[in-house]
């Protein structure tokens, strides 16, 4: 399962719970978005 605000009862029964938290991101420093991927 994925998603935010997972109900506590589900997290209690889960074997693995991961919480990703942004620590630092170039966008916050004013760096504009750039196109990703591979161009063929």
C-alpha atoms as a PDB file:
ATOM      1  CA  UNK A   1       0.000   0.000   0.000  1.00  0.00           C
ATOM      2  CA  UNK A   2       1.137   3.530  -0.617  1.00  0.00           C
ATOM      3  CA  UNK A   3      -0.214   6.890   0.298  1.00  0.00           C
ATOM      4  CA  UNK A   4      -0.167   9.605   2.875  1.00  0.00           C
ATOM      5  CA  UNK A   5      -1.990   9.613   6.192  1.00  0.00           C
ATOM      6  CA  UNK A   6      -2.078   5.834   6.503  1.00  0.00           C
ATOM      7  CA  UNK A   7      -4.467   4.764   9.261  1.00  0.00           C
ATOM      8  CA  UNK A   8      -2.653   3.823  12.467  1.00  0.00           C
ATOM      9  CA  UNK A   9      -4.358   0.413  12.582  1.00  0.00           C
ATOM     10  CA  UNK A  10      -2.818  -0.503   9.222  1.00  0.00           C
ATOM     11  CA  UNK A  11       0.652   0.686  10.225  1.00  0.00           C
ATOM     12  CA  UNK A  12       0.448  -1.396  13.405  1.00  0.00           C
ATOM     13  CA  UNK A  13      -0.137  -4.556  11.378  1.00  0.00           C
ATOM     14  CA  UNK A  14       2.436  -3.797   8.663  1.00  0.00           C
ATOM     15  CA  UNK A  15       5.832  -5.509   8.612  1.00  0.00           C
ATOM     16  CA  UNK A  16       7.533  -2.455   7.107  1.00  0.00           C
ATOM     17  CA  UNK A  17       6.605   1.224   7.259  1.00  0.00           C
ATOM     18  CA  UNK A  18       8.740   3.870   5.535  1.00  0.00           C
ATOM     19  CA  UNK A  19       8.305   7.611   5.820  1.00  0.00           C
ATOM     20  CA  UNK A  20      10.115   9.759   3.263  1.00  0.00           C
ATOM     21  CA  UNK A  21      10.799  13.320   4.356  1.00  0.00           C
ATOM     22  CA  UNK A  22      12.262  16.087   2.207  1.00  0.00           C
ATOM     23  CA  UNK A  23      15.410  17.419   3.840  1.00  0.00           C
ATOM     24  CA  UNK A  24      16.831  19.573   1.067  1.00  0.00           C
ATOM     25  CA  UNK A  25      15.667  20.243  -2.501  1.00  0.00           C
ATOM     26  CA  UNK A  26      17.131  22.538  -5.194  1.00  0.00           C
ATOM     27  CA  UNK A  27      13.668  23.937  -6.019  1.00  0.00           C
ATOM     28  CA  UNK A  28      13.483  25.477  -2.540  1.00  0.00           C
ATOM     29  CA  UNK A  29      16.735  27.317  -3.333  1.00  0.00           C
ATOM     30  CA  UNK A  30      15.271  28.806  -6.525  1.00  0.00           C
ATOM     31  CA  UNK A  31      16.606  26.271  -9.032  1.00  0.00           C
ATOM     32  CA  UNK A  32      13.940  25.874 -11.744  1.00  0.00           C
ATOM     33  CA  UNK A  33      12.608  22.502 -12.852  1.00  0.00           C
ATOM     34  CA  UNK A  34      14.306  20.870 -15.808  1.00  0.00           C
ATOM     35  CA  UNK A  35      13.197  18.264 -18.273  1.00  0.00           C
ATOM     36  CA  UNK A  36      14.145  14.724 -17.297  1.00  0.00           C
ATOM     37  CA  UNK A  37      14.342  11.435 -19.084  1.00  0.00           C
ATOM     38  CA  UNK A  38      16.276  10.332 -22.118  1.00  0.00           C
ATOM     39  CA  UNK A  39      15.715  11.902 -25.524  1.00  0.00           C
ATOM     40  CA  UNK A  40      15.970   9.519 -28.463  1.00  0.00           C
END
